PDB file of N, CA and C in Angstrom:
ATOM      1  N   ALA A   1      13.796  -3.544  -4.223  1.00  0.00           N
ATOM      2  CA  ALA A   1      13.645  -4.863  -3.781  1.00  0.00           C
ATOM      3  C   ALA A   1      14.880  -5.864  -3.922  1.00  0.00           C
ATOM      4  N   ILE A   2      15.753  -5.478  -5.027  1.00  0.00           N
ATOM      5  CA  ILE A   2      16.917  -6.446  -5.424  1.00  0.00           C
ATOM      6  C   ILE A   2      17.929  -5.747  -4.347  1.00  0.00           C
ATOM      7  N   LYS A   3      17.902  -4.502  -4.366  1.00  0.00           N
ATOM      8  CA  LYS A   3      18.902  -3.802  -3.112  1.00  0.00           C
ATOM      9  C   LYS A   3      18.684  -4.544  -1.771  1.00  0.00           C
ATOM     10  N   LYS A   4      17.365  -4.524  -1.182  1.00  0.00           N
ATOM     11  CA  LYS A   4      17.208  -5.059  -0.013  1.00  0.00           C
ATOM     12  C   LYS A   4      17.745  -6.782   0.116  1.00  0.00           C
ATOM     13  N   VAL A   5      17.518  -7.450  -0.916  1.00  0.00           N
ATOM     14  CA  VAL A   5      18.103  -8.938  -1.224  1.00  0.00           C
ATOM     15  C   VAL A   5      19.604  -8.767  -0.975  1.00  0.00           C
ATOM     16  N   LEU A   6      20.094  -8.056  -1.908  1.00  0.00           N
ATOM     17  CA  LEU A   6      21.541  -7.951  -1.894  1.00  0.00           C
ATOM     18  C   LEU A   6      22.241  -7.575  -0.511  1.00  0.00           C
ATOM     19  N   GLU A   7      21.377  -6.676  -0.153  1.00  0.00           N
ATOM     20  CA  GLU A   7      21.955  -6.005   1.358  1.00  0.00           C
ATOM     21  C   GLU A   7      21.873  -7.229   2.550  1.00  0.00           C
ATOM     22  N   ASP A   8      20.906  -7.921   2.438  1.00  0.00           N
ATOM     23  CA  ASP A   8      20.563  -9.160   3.375  1.00  0.00           C
ATOM     24  C   ASP A   8      21.625 -10.235   3.091  1.00  0.00           C
ATOM     25  N   ASN A   9      22.019 -10.352   1.966  1.00  0.00           N
ATOM     26  CA  ASN A   9      23.126 -11.463   1.420  1.00  0.00           C
ATOM     27  C   ASN A   9      24.562 -11.021   1.722  1.00  0.00           C
ATOM     28  N   PHE A  10      24.724  -9.787   1.874  1.00  0.00           N
ATOM     29  CA  PHE A  10      26.285  -9.212   2.279  1.00  0.00           C
ATOM     30  C   PHE A  10      26.291  -8.350   3.490  1.00  0.00           C
ATOM     31  N   LEU A  11      25.706  -8.800   4.555  1.00  0.00           N
ATOM     32  CA  LEU A  11      25.774  -8.422   5.818  1.00  0.00           C
ATOM     33  C   LEU A  11      27.442  -8.451   6.228  1.00  0.00           C
ATOM     34  N   LEU A  12      27.808  -7.435   6.734  1.00  0.00           N
ATOM     35  CA  LEU A  12      29.314  -7.514   7.198  1.00  0.00           C
ATOM     36  C   LEU A  12      29.383  -7.068   8.656  1.00  0.00           C
ATOM     37  N   ASN A  13      30.410  -7.239   9.133  1.00  0.00           N
ATOM     38  CA  ASN A  13      30.609  -6.895  10.523  1.00  0.00           C
ATOM     39  C   ASN A  13      30.398  -5.523  10.786  1.00  0.00           C
ATOM     40  N   GLU A  14      29.828  -5.140  11.889  1.00  0.00           N
ATOM     41  CA  GLU A  14      29.404  -3.538  12.280  1.00  0.00           C
ATOM     42  C   GLU A  14      31.016  -2.798  12.236  1.00  0.00           C
ATOM     43  N   GLU A  15      31.757  -3.193  12.252  1.00  0.00           N
ATOM     44  CA  GLU A  15      32.976  -2.557  12.342  1.00  0.00           C
ATOM     45  C   GLU A  15      33.512  -2.509  10.793  1.00  0.00           C
ATOM     46  N   ILE A  16      32.633  -2.168  10.120  1.00  0.00           N
ATOM     47  CA  ILE A  16      33.294  -1.989   8.684  1.00  0.00           C
ATOM     48  C   ILE A  16      33.869  -0.784   8.313  1.00  0.00           C
ATOM     49  N   HIS A  17      34.829  -0.715   7.536  1.00  0.00           N
ATOM     50  CA  HIS A  17      35.486   0.483   7.341  1.00  0.00           C
ATOM     51  C   HIS A  17      34.514   1.283   6.475  1.00  0.00           C
ATOM     52  N   SER A  18      34.731   2.648   6.663  1.00  0.00           N
ATOM     53  CA  SER A  18      33.894   3.502   6.011  1.00  0.00           C
ATOM     54  C   SER A  18      33.955   3.482   4.453  1.00  0.00           C
ATOM     55  N   GLU A  19      35.375   3.311   3.799  1.00  0.00           N
ATOM     56  CA  GLU A  19      35.573   3.273   2.677  1.00  0.00           C
ATOM     57  C   GLU A  19      34.838   2.007   1.991  1.00  0.00           C
ATOM     58  N   ALA A  20      35.024   0.742   2.538  1.00  0.00           N
ATOM     59  CA  ALA A  20      34.564  -0.369   2.236  1.00  0.00           C
ATOM     60  C   ALA A  20      32.960  -0.326   2.295  1.00  0.00           C
ATOM     61  N   LEU A  21      32.493   0.306   3.363  1.00  0.00           N
ATOM     62  CA  LEU A  21      30.891   0.561   3.007  1.00  0.00           C
ATOM     63  C   LEU A  21      30.529   1.399   1.937  1.00  0.00           C
ATOM     64  N   LEU A  22      31.362   2.612   1.654  1.00  0.00           N
ATOM     65  CA  LEU A  22      31.062   3.395   0.460  1.00  0.00           C
ATOM     66  C   LEU A  22      31.086   2.541  -0.657  1.00  0.00           C
ATOM     67  N   PHE A  23      32.165   1.775  -0.982  1.00  0.00           N
ATOM     68  CA  PHE A  23      31.981   1.002  -2.299  1.00  0.00           C
ATOM     69  C   PHE A  23      31.005  -0.166  -2.184  1.00  0.00           C
ATOM     70  N   LYS A  24      30.559  -0.767  -1.078  1.00  0.00           N
ATOM     71  CA  LYS A  24      29.479  -1.727  -1.107  1.00  0.00           C
ATOM     72  C   LYS A  24      28.307  -0.887  -1.560  1.00  0.00           C
ATOM     73  N   ASN A  25      27.925   0.353  -0.857  1.00  0.00           N
ATOM     74  CA  ASN A  25      26.816   0.912  -1.318  1.00  0.00           C
ATOM     75  C   ASN A  25      26.754   1.164  -2.913  1.00  0.00           C
ATOM     76  N   LEU A  26      27.914   1.646  -3.325  1.00  0.00           N
ATOM     77  CA  LEU A  26      27.974   2.196  -4.827  1.00  0.00           C
ATOM     78  C   LEU A  26      27.678   0.826  -5.646  1.00  0.00           C
ATOM     79  N   TRP A  27      28.175  -0.150  -5.090  1.00  0.00           N
ATOM     80  CA  TRP A  27      28.069  -1.525  -5.779  1.00  0.00           C
ATOM     81  C   TRP A  27      26.631  -1.927  -5.942  1.00  0.00           C
ATOM     82  N   LEU A  28      26.048  -1.795  -4.741  1.00  0.00           N
ATOM     83  CA  LEU A  28      24.517  -2.117  -4.784  1.00  0.00           C
ATOM     84  C   LEU A  28      23.888  -1.171  -5.530  1.00  0.00           C
ATOM     85  N   ASP A  29      24.011   0.128  -5.443  1.00  0.00           N
ATOM     86  CA  ASP A  29      23.291   1.087  -6.551  1.00  0.00           C
ATOM     87  C   ASP A  29      23.458   0.642  -7.748  1.00  0.00           C
ATOM     88  N   ALA A  30      24.653   0.466  -8.248  1.00  0.00           N
ATOM     89  CA  ALA A  30      24.950   0.032  -9.688  1.00  0.00           C
ATOM     90  C   ALA A  30      24.129  -1.294 -10.025  1.00  0.00           C
ATOM     91  N   GLU A  31      24.115  -2.244  -9.177  1.00  0.00           N
ATOM     92  CA  GLU A  31      23.350  -3.532  -9.533  1.00  0.00           C
ATOM     93  C   GLU A  31      21.926  -3.312  -9.612  1.00  0.00           C
ATOM     94  N   ALA A  32      21.275  -2.399  -8.699  1.00  0.00           N
ATOM     95  CA  ALA A  32      20.142  -1.886  -8.761  1.00  0.00           C
ATOM     96  C   ALA A  32      19.827  -1.354 -10.227  1.00  0.00           C
ATOM     97  N   LYS A  33      20.532  -0.339 -10.380  1.00  0.00           N
ATOM     98  CA  LYS A  33      20.417   0.484 -11.665  1.00  0.00           C
ATOM     99  C   LYS A  33      20.252  -0.434 -12.911  1.00  0.00           C
ATOM    100  N   LEU A  34      21.193  -1.281 -12.865  1.00  0.00           N
ATOM    101  CA  LEU A  34      21.591  -2.095 -14.048  1.00  0.00           C
ATOM    102  C   LEU A  34      20.427  -3.122 -14.171  1.00  0.00           C
ATOM    103  N   CYS A  35      19.759  -3.751 -13.201  1.00  0.00           N
ATOM    104  CA  CYS A  35      18.391  -4.485 -13.182  1.00  0.00           C
ATOM    105  C   CYS A  35      17.327  -3.373 -13.627  1.00  0.00           C
ATOM    106  N   SER A  36      17.292  -2.321 -13.231  1.00  0.00           N
ATOM    107  CA  SER A  36      16.026  -1.501 -13.648  1.00  0.00           C
ATOM    108  C   SER A  36      16.312  -1.338 -15.265  1.00  0.00           C
ATOM    109  N   ILE A  37      17.480  -0.912 -15.605  1.00  0.00           N
ATOM    110  CA  ILE A  37      17.849  -0.526 -16.939  1.00  0.00           C
ATOM    111  C   ILE A  37      17.268  -1.914 -18.073  1.00  0.00           C
ATOM    112  N   SER A  38      17.807  -3.045 -17.513  1.00  0.00           N
ATOM    113  CA  SER A  38      17.367  -4.160 -18.008  1.00  0.00           C
ATOM    114  C   SER A  38      15.893  -4.372 -18.354  1.00  0.00           C
ATOM    115  N   TYR A  39      15.210  -4.313 -17.166  1.00  0.00           N
ATOM    116  CA  TYR A  39      13.745  -4.549 -17.302  1.00  0.00           C
ATOM    117  C   TYR A  39      12.986  -3.513 -18.112  1.00  0.00           C
ATOM    118  N   LYS A  40      13.614  -2.356 -18.035  1.00  0.00           N
ATOM    119  CA  LYS A  40      12.878  -1.163 -18.861  1.00  0.00           C
ATOM    120  C   LYS A  40      13.169  -1.641 -20.249  1.00  0.00           C
ATOM    121  N   ALA A  41      14.348  -1.823 -20.452  1.00  0.00           N
ATOM    122  CA  ALA A  41      14.729  -2.268 -22.087  1.00  0.00           C
ATOM    123  C   ALA A  41      13.806  -3.517 -22.575  1.00  0.00           C
ATOM    124  N   ARG A  42      13.417  -4.445 -21.816  1.00  0.00           N
ATOM    125  CA  ARG A  42      12.646  -5.657 -22.147  1.00  0.00           C
ATOM    126  C   ARG A  42      11.157  -5.098 -22.318  1.00  0.00           C
ATOM    127  N   PHE A  43      10.832  -4.179 -21.235  1.00  0.00           N
ATOM    128  CA  PHE A  43       9.530  -3.599 -21.391  1.00  0.00           C
ATOM    129  C   PHE A  43       9.325  -2.972 -22.702  1.00  0.00           C
ATOM    130  N   ASP A  44      10.164  -2.146 -23.143  1.00  0.00           N
ATOM    131  CA  ASP A  44      10.093  -1.367 -24.307  1.00  0.00           C
ATOM    132  C   ASP A  44      10.060  -2.075 -25.636  1.00  0.00           C
ATOM    133  N   ARG A  45      10.969  -3.327 -25.465  1.00  0.00           N
ATOM    134  CA  ARG A  45      10.913  -4.042 -26.625  1.00  0.00           C
ATOM    135  C   ARG A  45       9.502  -4.879 -26.807  1.00  0.00           C
ATOM    136  N   MET A  46       8.963  -5.248 -25.595  1.00  0.00           N
ATOM    137  CA  MET A  46       7.823  -5.848 -25.696  1.00  0.00           C
ATOM    138  C   MET A  46       6.839  -4.901 -26.213  1.00  0.00           C
ATOM    139  N   LYS A  47       6.652  -3.740 -25.797  1.00  0.00           N
ATOM    140  CA  LYS A  47       5.732  -2.609 -26.437  1.00  0.00           C
ATOM    141  C   LYS A  47       6.064  -2.487 -27.921  1.00  0.00           C
ATOM    142  N   ILE A  48       7.248  -2.473 -28.477  1.00  0.00           N
ATOM    143  CA  ILE A  48       7.360  -2.195 -29.684  1.00  0.00           C
ATOM    144  C   ILE A  48       6.687  -3.525 -30.456  1.00  0.00           C
ATOM    145  N   GLN A  49       6.991  -4.620 -30.004  1.00  0.00           N
ATOM    146  CA  GLN A  49       6.394  -5.927 -30.707  1.00  0.00           C
ATOM    147  C   GLN A  49       5.147  -5.875 -30.752  1.00  0.00           C
ATOM    148  N   MET A  50       4.456  -5.376 -29.746  1.00  0.00           N
ATOM    149  CA  MET A  50       2.776  -5.230 -29.432  1.00  0.00           C
ATOM    150  C   MET A  50       2.330  -4.162 -30.518  1.00  0.00           C
ATOM    151  N   GLU A  51       3.147  -3.270 -30.952  1.00  0.00           N
ATOM    152  CA  GLU A  51       2.521  -2.256 -31.733  1.00  0.00           C
ATOM    153  C   GLU A  51       2.670  -2.910 -33.056  1.00  0.00           C
ATOM    154  N   GLN A  52       3.839  -3.574 -33.458  1.00  0.00           N
ATOM    155  CA  GLN A  52       3.993  -4.127 -34.807  1.00  0.00           C
ATOM    156  C   GLN A  52       3.004  -5.162 -35.111  1.00  0.00           C
ATOM    157  N   ILE A  53       2.374  -5.860 -34.089  1.00  0.00           N
ATOM    158  CA  ILE A  53       1.422  -6.762 -34.446  1.00  0.00           C
ATOM    159  C   ILE A  53       0.169  -6.005 -34.612  1.00  0.00           C
ATOM    160  N   ARG A  54      -0.244  -5.097 -33.862  1.00  0.00           N
ATOM    161  CA  ARG A  54      -1.457  -4.316 -34.052  1.00  0.00           C
ATOM    162  C   ARG A  54      -1.258  -3.493 -35.460  1.00  0.00           C
ATOM    163  N   MET A  55      -0.178  -3.215 -35.795  1.00  0.00           N
ATOM    164  CA  MET A  55      -0.190  -2.551 -37.159  1.00  0.00           C
ATOM    165  C   MET A  55      -0.358  -3.715 -38.421  1.00  0.00           C
ATOM    166  N   LYS A  56       0.182  -4.706 -38.132  1.00  0.00           N
ATOM    167  CA  LYS A  56      -0.200  -6.092 -38.948  1.00  0.00           C
ATOM    168  C   LYS A  56      -1.377  -6.370 -39.200  1.00  0.00           C
ATOM    169  N   GLU A  57      -2.042  -6.472 -37.999  1.00  0.00           N
ATOM    170  CA  GLU A  57      -3.647  -6.907 -37.909  1.00  0.00           C
ATOM    171  C   GLU A  57      -4.553  -5.518 -38.575  1.00  0.00           C
ATOM    172  N   SER A  58      -4.062  -4.519 -38.566  1.00  0.00           N
ATOM    173  CA  SER A  58      -5.164  -3.386 -39.110  1.00  0.00           C
ATOM    174  C   SER A  58      -4.807  -3.293 -40.573  1.00  0.00           C
ATOM    175  N   GLN A  59      -3.882  -3.881 -40.932  1.00  0.00           N
ATOM    176  CA  GLN A  59      -3.635  -3.901 -42.618  1.00  0.00           C
ATOM    177  C   GLN A  59      -4.669  -4.806 -43.387  1.00  0.00           C
TER     178      GLN A  59
END
């Protein structure tokens, strides 16, 4: 989803150089991966916190 938004916001002339297109695609892939890693880390922290709460409640 983020890649689609970024692509829509960074439309370039159709006569783009292949090297520029390569770097644009690499940048978009890196941004998408960074977002994915960030959300995965948040999700994992949330799971850990929920488990800690469950453990405290069961004591």
